[in-house]
Amino acid sequence: LPEPVEIRMTAEAVTDTRLASTISTGGAKVQTVEHLMSA
């Protein structure tokens, strides 16, 4: 992103779980985090 955005991995950051787990803050998101989080 033009200005890098940090998204802390917390339960409150989860905004979608359809087909994948997505975390977000503001307008920035990261999806399909579940396999990395399992590791």
PDB file of all heavy atoms in Angstrom:
ATOM      1  N   LEU A   1       0.832  -1.207   0.000  1.00  0.00           N
ATOM      2  CA  LEU A   1       0.000   0.000   0.000  1.00  0.00           C
ATOM      3  C   LEU A   1       0.867   1.259   0.000  1.00  0.00           C
ATOM      4  O   LEU A   1       2.020   1.218   0.460  1.00  0.00           O
ATOM      5  CB  LEU A   1      -0.925  -0.014   1.219  1.00  0.00           C
ATOM      6  CG  LEU A   1      -1.904  -1.201   1.289  1.00  0.00           C
ATOM      7  CD1 LEU A   1      -2.697  -1.165   2.584  1.00  0.00           C
ATOM      8  CD2 LEU A   1      -2.821  -1.196   0.077  1.00  0.00           C
ATOM      9  N   PRO A   2       0.346   2.384  -0.511  1.00  0.00           N
ATOM     10  CA  PRO A   2       1.123   3.637  -0.540  1.00  0.00           C
ATOM     11  C   PRO A   2       1.692   3.994   0.829  1.00  0.00           C
ATOM     12  O   PRO A   2       2.831   4.443   0.942  1.00  0.00           O
ATOM     13  CB  PRO A   2       0.082   4.670  -1.002  1.00  0.00           C
ATOM     14  CG  PRO A   2      -0.899   3.875  -1.804  1.00  0.00           C
ATOM     15  CD  PRO A   2      -0.986   2.536  -1.130  1.00  0.00           C
ATOM     16  N   GLU A   3       0.874   3.774   1.876  1.00  0.00           N
ATOM     17  CA  GLU A   3       1.339   3.896   3.257  1.00  0.00           C
ATOM     18  C   GLU A   3       1.106   2.548   3.928  1.00  0.00           C
ATOM     19  O   GLU A   3      -0.044   2.147   4.129  1.00  0.00           O
ATOM     20  CB  GLU A   3       0.578   4.998   4.003  1.00  0.00           C
ATOM     21  CG  GLU A   3       0.873   6.400   3.492  1.00  0.00           C
ATOM     22  CD  GLU A   3       0.229   7.462   4.362  1.00  0.00           C
ATOM     23  OE1 GLU A   3      -0.294   7.099   5.446  1.00  0.00           O
ATOM     24  OE2 GLU A   3       0.238   8.632   3.962  1.00  0.00           O
ATOM     25  N   PRO A   4       2.174   1.800   4.242  1.00  0.00           N
ATOM     26  CA  PRO A   4       2.024   0.465   4.826  1.00  0.00           C
ATOM     27  C   PRO A   4       1.085   0.472   6.030  1.00  0.00           C
ATOM     28  O   PRO A   4       1.106   1.385   6.855  1.00  0.00           O
ATOM     29  CB  PRO A   4       3.453   0.102   5.240  1.00  0.00           C
ATOM     30  CG  PRO A   4       4.305   0.868   4.277  1.00  0.00           C
ATOM     31  CD  PRO A   4       3.593   2.171   4.060  1.00  0.00           C
ATOM     32  N   VAL A   5       0.237  -0.560   6.112  1.00  0.00           N
ATOM     33  CA  VAL A   5      -0.753  -0.680   7.180  1.00  0.00           C
ATOM     34  C   VAL A   5      -0.476  -1.940   7.988  1.00  0.00           C
ATOM     35  O   VAL A   5      -0.226  -3.006   7.417  1.00  0.00           O
ATOM     36  CB  VAL A   5      -2.188  -0.726   6.610  1.00  0.00           C
ATOM     37  CG1 VAL A   5      -3.198  -0.974   7.727  1.00  0.00           C
ATOM     38  CG2 VAL A   5      -2.508   0.561   5.869  1.00  0.00           C
ATOM     39  N   GLU A   6      -0.525  -1.821   9.326  1.00  0.00           N
ATOM     40  CA  GLU A   6      -0.354  -2.959  10.210  1.00  0.00           C
ATOM     41  C   GLU A   6      -1.716  -3.468  10.670  1.00  0.00           C
ATOM     42  O   GLU A   6      -2.593  -2.680  11.023  1.00  0.00           O
ATOM     43  CB  GLU A   6       0.489  -2.589  11.431  1.00  0.00           C
ATOM     44  CG  GLU A   6       1.933  -2.260  11.097  1.00  0.00           C
ATOM     45  CD  GLU A   6       2.787  -2.099  12.355  1.00  0.00           C
ATOM     46  OE1 GLU A   6       2.198  -2.054  13.465  1.00  0.00           O
ATOM     47  OE2 GLU A   6       4.019  -2.035  12.217  1.00  0.00           O
ATOM     48  N   ILE A   7      -1.884  -4.790  10.639  1.00  0.00           N
ATOM     49  CA  ILE A   7      -3.117  -5.423  11.116  1.00  0.00           C
ATOM     50  C   ILE A   7      -2.722  -6.456  12.157  1.00  0.00           C
ATOM     51  O   ILE A   7      -2.073  -7.455  11.844  1.00  0.00           O
ATOM     52  CB  ILE A   7      -3.903  -6.095   9.983  1.00  0.00           C
ATOM     53  CG1 ILE A   7      -4.137  -5.113   8.824  1.00  0.00           C
ATOM     54  CG2 ILE A   7      -5.229  -6.626  10.513  1.00  0.00           C
ATOM     55  CD1 ILE A   7      -4.824  -5.737   7.623  1.00  0.00           C
ATOM     56  N   ARG A   8      -3.107  -6.201  13.402  1.00  0.00           N
ATOM     57  CA  ARG A   8      -2.770  -7.125  14.484  1.00  0.00           C
ATOM     58  C   ARG A   8      -3.690  -8.343  14.443  1.00  0.00           C
ATOM     59  O   ARG A   8      -4.903  -8.217  14.277  1.00  0.00           O
ATOM     60  CB  ARG A   8      -2.884  -6.414  15.830  1.00  0.00           C
ATOM     61  CG  ARG A   8      -2.446  -7.263  17.031  1.00  0.00           C
ATOM     62  CD  ARG A   8      -2.517  -6.452  18.302  1.00  0.00           C
ATOM     63  NE  ARG A   8      -1.586  -5.326  18.230  1.00  0.00           N
ATOM     64  CZ  ARG A   8      -0.293  -5.406  18.514  1.00  0.00           C
ATOM     65  NH1 ARG A   8       0.224  -6.583  18.880  1.00  0.00           N
ATOM     66  NH2 ARG A   8       0.474  -4.356  18.428  1.00  0.00           N
ATOM     67  N   MET A   9      -3.110  -9.534  14.582  1.00  0.00           N
ATOM     68  CA  MET A   9      -3.883 -10.777  14.539  1.00  0.00           C
ATOM     69  C   MET A   9      -4.585 -10.993  15.877  1.00  0.00           C
ATOM     70  O   MET A   9      -4.016 -11.517  16.834  1.00  0.00           O
ATOM     71  CB  MET A   9      -2.944 -11.946  14.231  1.00  0.00           C
ATOM     72  CG  MET A   9      -3.627 -13.280  14.013  1.00  0.00           C
ATOM     73  SD  MET A   9      -4.661 -13.333  12.555  1.00  0.00           S
ATOM     74  CE  MET A   9      -6.269 -13.594  13.291  1.00  0.00           C
ATOM     75  N   THR A  10      -5.837 -10.579  15.940  1.00  0.00           N
ATOM     76  CA  THR A  10      -6.668 -10.789  17.117  1.00  0.00           C
ATOM     77  C   THR A  10      -8.034 -11.286  16.662  1.00  0.00           C
ATOM     78  O   THR A  10      -8.402 -11.156  15.492  1.00  0.00           O
ATOM     79  CB  THR A  10      -6.866  -9.489  17.918  1.00  0.00           C
ATOM     80  OG1 THR A  10      -7.588  -8.549  17.107  1.00  0.00           O
ATOM     81  CG2 THR A  10      -5.522  -8.886  18.322  1.00  0.00           C
ATOM     82  N   ALA A  11      -8.798 -11.836  17.588  1.00  0.00           N
ATOM     83  CA  ALA A  11     -10.152 -12.297  17.252  1.00  0.00           C
ATOM     84  C   ALA A  11     -11.007 -11.128  16.776  1.00  0.00           C
ATOM     85  O   ALA A  11     -11.843 -11.276  15.876  1.00  0.00           O
ATOM     86  CB  ALA A  11     -10.791 -12.962  18.466  1.00  0.00           C
ATOM     87  N   GLU A  12     -10.783  -9.955  17.363  1.00  0.00           N
ATOM     88  CA  GLU A  12     -11.579  -8.776  17.007  1.00  0.00           C
ATOM     89  C   GLU A  12     -11.283  -8.290  15.593  1.00  0.00           C
ATOM     90  O   GLU A  12     -12.095  -7.574  14.992  1.00  0.00           O
ATOM     91  CB  GLU A  12     -11.321  -7.639  18.008  1.00  0.00           C
ATOM     92  CG  GLU A  12     -11.831  -7.886  19.413  1.00  0.00           C
ATOM     93  CD  GLU A  12     -10.977  -8.871  20.211  1.00  0.00           C
ATOM     94  OE1 GLU A  12      -9.813  -9.094  19.816  1.00  0.00           O
ATOM     95  OE2 GLU A  12     -11.480  -9.412  21.212  1.00  0.00           O
ATOM     96  N   ALA A  13     -10.134  -8.666  15.053  1.00  0.00           N
ATOM     97  CA  ALA A  13      -9.752  -8.216  13.712  1.00  0.00           C
ATOM     98  C   ALA A  13     -10.396  -9.056  12.611  1.00  0.00           C
ATOM     99  O   ALA A  13     -10.358  -8.674  11.444  1.00  0.00           O
ATOM    100  CB  ALA A  13      -8.233  -8.241  13.556  1.00  0.00           C
ATOM    101  N   VAL A  14     -10.980 -10.209  12.964  1.00  0.00           N
ATOM    102  CA  VAL A  14     -11.602 -11.082  11.964  1.00  0.00           C
ATOM    103  C   VAL A  14     -12.905 -10.453  11.481  1.00  0.00           C
ATOM    104  O   VAL A  14     -13.808 -10.177  12.279  1.00  0.00           O
ATOM    105  CB  VAL A  14     -11.876 -12.479  12.539  1.00  0.00           C
ATOM    106  CG1 VAL A  14     -12.586 -13.359  11.504  1.00  0.00           C
ATOM    107  CG2 VAL A  14     -10.576 -13.139  12.982  1.00  0.00           C
ATOM    108  N   THR A  15     -13.002 -10.222  10.171  1.00  0.00           N
ATOM    109  CA  THR A  15     -14.175  -9.553   9.607  1.00  0.00           C
ATOM    110  C   THR A  15     -14.953 -10.420   8.619  1.00  0.00           C
ATOM    111  O   THR A  15     -16.052 -10.052   8.220  1.00  0.00           O
ATOM    112  CB  THR A  15     -13.755  -8.252   8.901  1.00  0.00           C
ATOM    113  OG1 THR A  15     -12.712  -8.543   7.953  1.00  0.00           O
ATOM    114  CG2 THR A  15     -13.236  -7.236   9.905  1.00  0.00           C
ATOM    115  N   ASP A  16     -14.406 -11.562   8.214  1.00  0.00           N
ATOM    116  CA  ASP A  16     -15.105 -12.435   7.281  1.00  0.00           C
ATOM    117  C   ASP A  16     -14.559 -13.847   7.417  1.00  0.00           C
ATOM    118  O   ASP A  16     -13.345 -14.035   7.576  1.00  0.00           O
ATOM    119  CB  ASP A  16     -14.919 -11.936   5.845  1.00  0.00           C
ATOM    120  CG  ASP A  16     -15.947 -12.540   4.882  1.00  0.00           C
ATOM    121  OD1 ASP A  16     -16.697 -13.440   5.299  1.00  0.00           O
ATOM    122  OD2 ASP A  16     -15.985 -12.108   3.712  1.00  0.00           O
ATOM    123  N   THR A  17     -15.437 -14.837   7.352  1.00  0.00           N
ATOM    124  CA  THR A  17     -15.003 -16.238   7.425  1.00  0.00           C
ATOM    125  C   THR A  17     -15.613 -17.073   6.306  1.00  0.00           C
ATOM    126  O   THR A  17     -15.624 -18.300   6.380  1.00  0.00           O
ATOM    127  CB  THR A  17     -15.386 -16.859   8.784  1.00  0.00           C
ATOM    128  OG1 THR A  17     -16.804 -16.727   8.991  1.00  0.00           O
ATOM    129  CG2 THR A  17     -14.648 -16.182   9.929  1.00  0.00           C
ATOM    130  N   ARG A  18     -16.105 -16.441   5.258  1.00  0.00           N
ATOM    131  CA  ARG A  18     -16.669 -17.165   4.124  1.00  0.00           C
ATOM    132  C   ARG A  18     -15.541 -17.677   3.227  1.00  0.00           C
ATOM    133  O   ARG A  18     -14.802 -16.906   2.639  1.00  0.00           O
ATOM    134  CB  ARG A  18     -17.601 -16.262   3.333  1.00  0.00           C
ATOM    135  CG  ARG A  18     -18.873 -15.866   4.079  1.00  0.00           C
ATOM    136  CD  ARG A  18     -19.633 -14.800   3.339  1.00  0.00           C
ATOM    137  NE  ARG A  18     -18.853 -13.570   3.225  1.00  0.00           N
ATOM    138  CZ  ARG A  18     -19.263 -12.485   2.567  1.00  0.00           C
ATOM    139  NH1 ARG A  18     -20.430 -12.490   1.951  1.00  0.00           N
ATOM    140  NH2 ARG A  18     -18.489 -11.404   2.527  1.00  0.00           N
ATOM    141  N   LEU A  19     -15.373 -18.993   3.182  1.00  0.00           N
ATOM    142  CA  LEU A  19     -14.349 -19.678   2.375  1.00  0.00           C
ATOM    143  C   LEU A  19     -12.930 -19.470   2.876  1.00  0.00           C
ATOM    144  O   LEU A  19     -12.031 -20.231   2.538  1.00  0.00           O
ATOM    145  CB  LEU A  19     -14.438 -19.252   0.894  1.00  0.00           C
ATOM    146  CG  LEU A  19     -15.771 -19.500   0.205  1.00  0.00           C
ATOM    147  CD1 LEU A  19     -15.706 -19.025  -1.247  1.00  0.00           C
ATOM    148  CD2 LEU A  19     -16.156 -20.977   0.243  1.00  0.00           C
ATOM    149  N   ALA A  20     -12.702 -18.432   3.665  1.00  0.00           N
ATOM    150  CA  ALA A  20     -11.368 -18.164   4.217  1.00  0.00           C
ATOM    151  C   ALA A  20     -11.522 -17.214   5.392  1.00  0.00           C
ATOM    152  O   ALA A  20     -12.553 -16.559   5.550  1.00  0.00           O
ATOM    153  CB  ALA A  20     -10.458 -17.545   3.153  1.00  0.00           C
ATOM    154  N   SER A  21     -10.485 -17.138   6.236  1.00  0.00           N
ATOM    155  CA  SER A  21     -10.505 -16.204   7.365  1.00  0.00           C
ATOM    156  C   SER A  21      -9.825 -14.906   6.946  1.00  0.00           C
ATOM    157  O   SER A  21      -8.685 -14.917   6.476  1.00  0.00           O
ATOM    158  CB  SER A  21      -9.780 -16.808   8.574  1.00  0.00           C
ATOM    159  OG  SER A  21     -10.441 -17.976   9.015  1.00  0.00           O
ATOM    160  N   THR A  22     -10.548 -13.797   7.135  1.00  0.00           N
ATOM    161  CA  THR A  22     -10.049 -12.480   6.728  1.00  0.00           C
ATOM    162  C   THR A  22      -9.962 -11.571   7.937  1.00  0.00           C
ATOM    163  O   THR A  22     -10.867 -11.516   8.767  1.00  0.00           O
ATOM    164  CB  THR A  22     -10.992 -11.836   5.689  1.00  0.00           C
ATOM    165  OG1 THR A  22     -11.066 -12.677   4.543  1.00  0.00           O
ATOM    166  CG2 THR A  22     -10.496 -10.459   5.276  1.00  0.00           C
ATOM    167  N   ILE A  23      -8.835 -10.848   8.043  1.00  0.00           N
ATOM    168  CA  ILE A  23      -8.688  -9.830   9.076  1.00  0.00           C
ATOM    169  C   ILE A  23      -8.546  -8.482   8.389  1.00  0.00           C
ATOM    170  O   ILE A  23      -8.071  -8.400   7.250  1.00  0.00           O
ATOM    171  CB  ILE A  23      -7.466 -10.088   9.988  1.00  0.00           C
ATOM    172  CG1 ILE A  23      -6.174 -10.131   9.177  1.00  0.00           C
ATOM    173  CG2 ILE A  23      -7.654 -11.398  10.758  1.00  0.00           C
ATOM    174  CD1 ILE A  23      -4.913 -10.218  10.027  1.00  0.00           C
ATOM    175  N   SER A  24      -8.958  -7.431   9.072  1.00  0.00           N
ATOM    176  CA  SER A  24      -8.881  -6.117   8.443  1.00  0.00           C
ATOM    177  C   SER A  24      -8.836  -5.016   9.487  1.00  0.00           C
ATOM    178  O   SER A  24      -9.183  -5.220  10.659  1.00  0.00           O
ATOM    179  CB  SER A  24     -10.078  -5.895   7.512  1.00  0.00           C
ATOM    180  OG  SER A  24     -11.280  -5.870   8.243  1.00  0.00           O
ATOM    181  N   THR A  25      -8.405  -3.846   9.027  1.00  0.00           N
ATOM    182  CA  THR A  25      -8.469  -2.624   9.817  1.00  0.00           C
ATOM    183  C   THR A  25      -8.623  -1.479   8.838  1.00  0.00           C
ATOM    184  O   THR A  25      -7.882  -1.396   7.845  1.00  0.00           O
ATOM    185  CB  THR A  25      -7.214  -2.420  10.690  1.00  0.00           C
ATOM    186  OG1 THR A  25      -7.365  -1.229  11.465  1.00  0.00           O
ATOM    187  CG2 THR A  25      -5.953  -2.313   9.865  1.00  0.00           C
ATOM    188  N   GLY A  26      -9.615  -0.614   9.075  1.00  0.00           N
ATOM    189  CA  GLY A  26      -9.875   0.442   8.116  1.00  0.00           C
ATOM    190  C   GLY A  26     -10.238  -0.164   6.768  1.00  0.00           C
ATOM    191  O   GLY A  26     -11.062  -1.059   6.663  1.00  0.00           O
ATOM    192  N   GLY A  27      -9.572   0.274   5.720  1.00  0.00           N
ATOM    193  CA  GLY A  27      -9.824  -0.272   4.395  1.00  0.00           C
ATOM    194  C   GLY A  27      -8.852  -1.341   3.968  1.00  0.00           C
ATOM    195  O   GLY A  27      -8.929  -1.853   2.842  1.00  0.00           O
ATOM    196  N   ALA A  28      -7.926  -1.716   4.835  1.00  0.00           N
ATOM    197  CA  ALA A  28      -6.913  -2.725   4.497  1.00  0.00           C
ATOM    198  C   ALA A  28      -7.308  -4.077   5.071  1.00  0.00           C
ATOM    199  O   ALA A  28      -7.835  -4.172   6.180  1.00  0.00           O
ATOM    200  CB  ALA A  28      -5.553  -2.316   5.041  1.00  0.00           C
ATOM    201  N   LYS A  29      -7.037  -5.142   4.300  1.00  0.00           N
ATOM    202  CA  LYS A  29      -7.377  -6.483   4.760  1.00  0.00           C
ATOM    203  C   LYS A  29      -6.311  -7.478   4.331  1.00  0.00           C
ATOM    204  O   LYS A  29      -5.508  -7.218   3.435  1.00  0.00           O
ATOM    205  CB  LYS A  29      -8.725  -6.916   4.194  1.00  0.00           C
ATOM    206  CG  LYS A  29      -8.722  -7.174   2.690  1.00  0.00           C
ATOM    207  CD  LYS A  29     -10.070  -7.673   2.213  1.00  0.00           C
ATOM    208  CE  LYS A  29     -10.043  -7.975   0.694  1.00  0.00           C
ATOM    209  NZ  LYS A  29     -11.351  -8.483   0.216  1.00  0.00           N
ATOM    210  N   VAL A  30      -6.318  -8.642   4.989  1.00  0.00           N
ATOM    211  CA  VAL A  30      -5.516  -9.796   4.583  1.00  0.00           C
ATOM    212  C   VAL A  30      -6.413 -11.008   4.724  1.00  0.00           C
ATOM    213  O   VAL A  30      -6.984 -11.253   5.790  1.00  0.00           O
ATOM    214  CB  VAL A  30      -4.255  -9.976   5.445  1.00  0.00           C
ATOM    215  CG1 VAL A  30      -3.486 -11.220   4.984  1.00  0.00           C
ATOM    216  CG2 VAL A  30      -3.357  -8.760   5.378  1.00  0.00           C
ATOM    217  N   GLN A  31      -6.551 -11.778   3.655  1.00  0.00           N
ATOM    218  CA  GLN A  31      -7.425 -12.946   3.690  1.00  0.00           C
ATOM    219  C   GLN A  31      -6.645 -14.250   3.595  1.00  0.00           C
ATOM    220  O   GLN A  31      -5.473 -14.266   3.241  1.00  0.00           O
ATOM    221  CB  GLN A  31      -8.470 -12.867   2.582  1.00  0.00           C
ATOM    222  CG  GLN A  31      -7.905 -12.722   1.178  1.00  0.00           C
ATOM    223  CD  GLN A  31      -8.995 -12.623   0.124  1.00  0.00           C
ATOM    224  OE1 GLN A  31     -10.096 -13.169   0.283  1.00  0.00           O
ATOM    225  NE2 GLN A  31      -8.718 -11.929  -0.966  1.00  0.00           N
ATOM    226  N   THR A  32      -7.318 -15.329   3.930  1.00  0.00           N
ATOM    227  CA  THR A  32      -6.754 -16.688   3.935  1.00  0.00           C
ATOM    228  C   THR A  32      -5.542 -16.773   4.868  1.00  0.00           C
ATOM    229  O   THR A  32      -4.472 -17.248   4.500  1.00  0.00           O
ATOM    230  CB  THR A  32      -6.369 -17.132   2.503  1.00  0.00           C
ATOM    231  OG1 THR A  32      -7.358 -16.678   1.572  1.00  0.00           O
ATOM    232  CG2 THR A  32      -6.303 -18.657   2.405  1.00  0.00           C
ATOM    233  N   VAL A  33      -5.743 -16.326   6.104  1.00  0.00           N
ATOM    234  CA  VAL A  33      -4.655 -16.337   7.087  1.00  0.00           C
ATOM    235  C   VAL A  33      -4.604 -17.644   7.878  1.00  0.00           C
ATOM    236  O   VAL A  33      -3.653 -17.889   8.625  1.00  0.00           O
ATOM    237  CB  VAL A  33      -4.799 -15.160   8.076  1.00  0.00           C
ATOM    238  CG1 VAL A  33      -4.794 -13.831   7.333  1.00  0.00           C
ATOM    239  CG2 VAL A  33      -6.062 -15.289   8.922  1.00  0.00           C
ATOM    240  N   GLU A  34      -5.611 -18.528   7.712  1.00  0.00           N
ATOM    241  CA  GLU A  34      -5.776 -19.653   8.624  1.00  0.00           C
ATOM    242  C   GLU A  34      -4.649 -20.682   8.582  1.00  0.00           C
ATOM    243  O   GLU A  34      -4.281 -21.251   9.620  1.00  0.00           O
ATOM    244  CB  GLU A  34      -7.126 -20.346   8.384  1.00  0.00           C
ATOM    245  CG  GLU A  34      -7.367 -20.871   6.982  1.00  0.00           C
ATOM    246  CD  GLU A  34      -8.039 -19.862   6.066  1.00  0.00           C
ATOM    247  OE1 GLU A  34      -7.947 -18.637   6.311  1.00  0.00           O
ATOM    248  OE2 GLU A  34      -8.648 -20.300   5.076  1.00  0.00           O
ATOM    249  N   HIS A  35      -4.063 -20.959   7.424  1.00  0.00           N
ATOM    250  CA  HIS A  35      -3.002 -21.967   7.358  1.00  0.00           C
ATOM    251  C   HIS A  35      -1.723 -21.477   8.030  1.00  0.00           C
ATOM    252  O   HIS A  35      -1.070 -22.226   8.771  1.00  0.00           O
ATOM    253  CB  HIS A  35      -2.719 -22.342   5.901  1.00  0.00           C
ATOM    254  CG  HIS A  35      -3.896 -22.939   5.210  1.00  0.00           C
ATOM    255  ND1 HIS A  35      -4.009 -22.982   3.834  1.00  0.00           N
ATOM    256  CD2 HIS A  35      -5.025 -23.521   5.685  1.00  0.00           C
ATOM    257  CE1 HIS A  35      -5.158 -23.562   3.507  1.00  0.00           C
ATOM    258  NE2 HIS A  35      -5.778 -23.892   4.612  1.00  0.00           N
ATOM    259  N   LEU A  36      -1.380 -20.225   7.800  1.00  0.00           N
ATOM    260  CA  LEU A  36      -0.209 -19.651   8.454  1.00  0.00           C
ATOM    261  C   LEU A  36      -0.420 -19.567   9.962  1.00  0.00           C
ATOM    262  O   LEU A  36       0.486 -19.861  10.748  1.00  0.00           O
ATOM    263  CB  LEU A  36       0.083 -18.265   7.867  1.00  0.00           C
ATOM    264  CG  LEU A  36       1.230 -17.465   8.501  1.00  0.00           C
ATOM    265  CD1 LEU A  36       2.508 -18.273   8.573  1.00  0.00           C
ATOM    266  CD2 LEU A  36       1.445 -16.161   7.733  1.00  0.00           C
ATOM    267  N   MET A  37      -1.625 -19.192  10.391  1.00  0.00           N
ATOM    268  CA  MET A  37      -1.907 -19.106  11.825  1.00  0.00           C
ATOM    269  C   MET A  37      -1.878 -20.480  12.485  1.00  0.00           C
ATOM    270  O   MET A  37      -1.465 -20.627  13.638  1.00  0.00           O
ATOM    271  CB  MET A  37      -3.262 -18.439  12.052  1.00  0.00           C
ATOM    272  CG  MET A  37      -3.299 -16.962  11.696  1.00  0.00           C
ATOM    273  SD  MET A  37      -2.075 -15.966  12.621  1.00  0.00           S
ATOM    274  CE  MET A  37      -0.736 -15.884  11.424  1.00  0.00           C
ATOM    275  N   SER A  38      -2.309 -21.523  11.760  1.00  0.00           N
ATOM    276  CA  SER A  38      -2.238 -22.882  12.289  1.00  0.00           C
ATOM    277  C   SER A  38      -0.788 -23.292  12.532  1.00  0.00           C
ATOM    278  O   SER A  38      -0.458 -23.908  13.547  1.00  0.00           O
ATOM    279  CB  SER A  38      -2.909 -23.858  11.320  1.00  0.00           C
ATOM    280  OG  SER A  38      -2.785 -25.183  11.781  1.00  0.00           O
ATOM    281  N   ALA A  39       0.090 -22.937  11.582  1.00  0.00           N
ATOM    282  CA  ALA A  39       1.513 -23.249  11.740  1.00  0.00           C
ATOM    283  C   ALA A  39       2.097 -22.523  12.944  1.00  0.00           C
ATOM    284  O   ALA A  39       2.867 -23.099  13.719  1.00  0.00           O
ATOM    285  CB  ALA A  39       2.269 -22.871  10.463  1.00  0.00           C
TER     286      ALA A  39
END
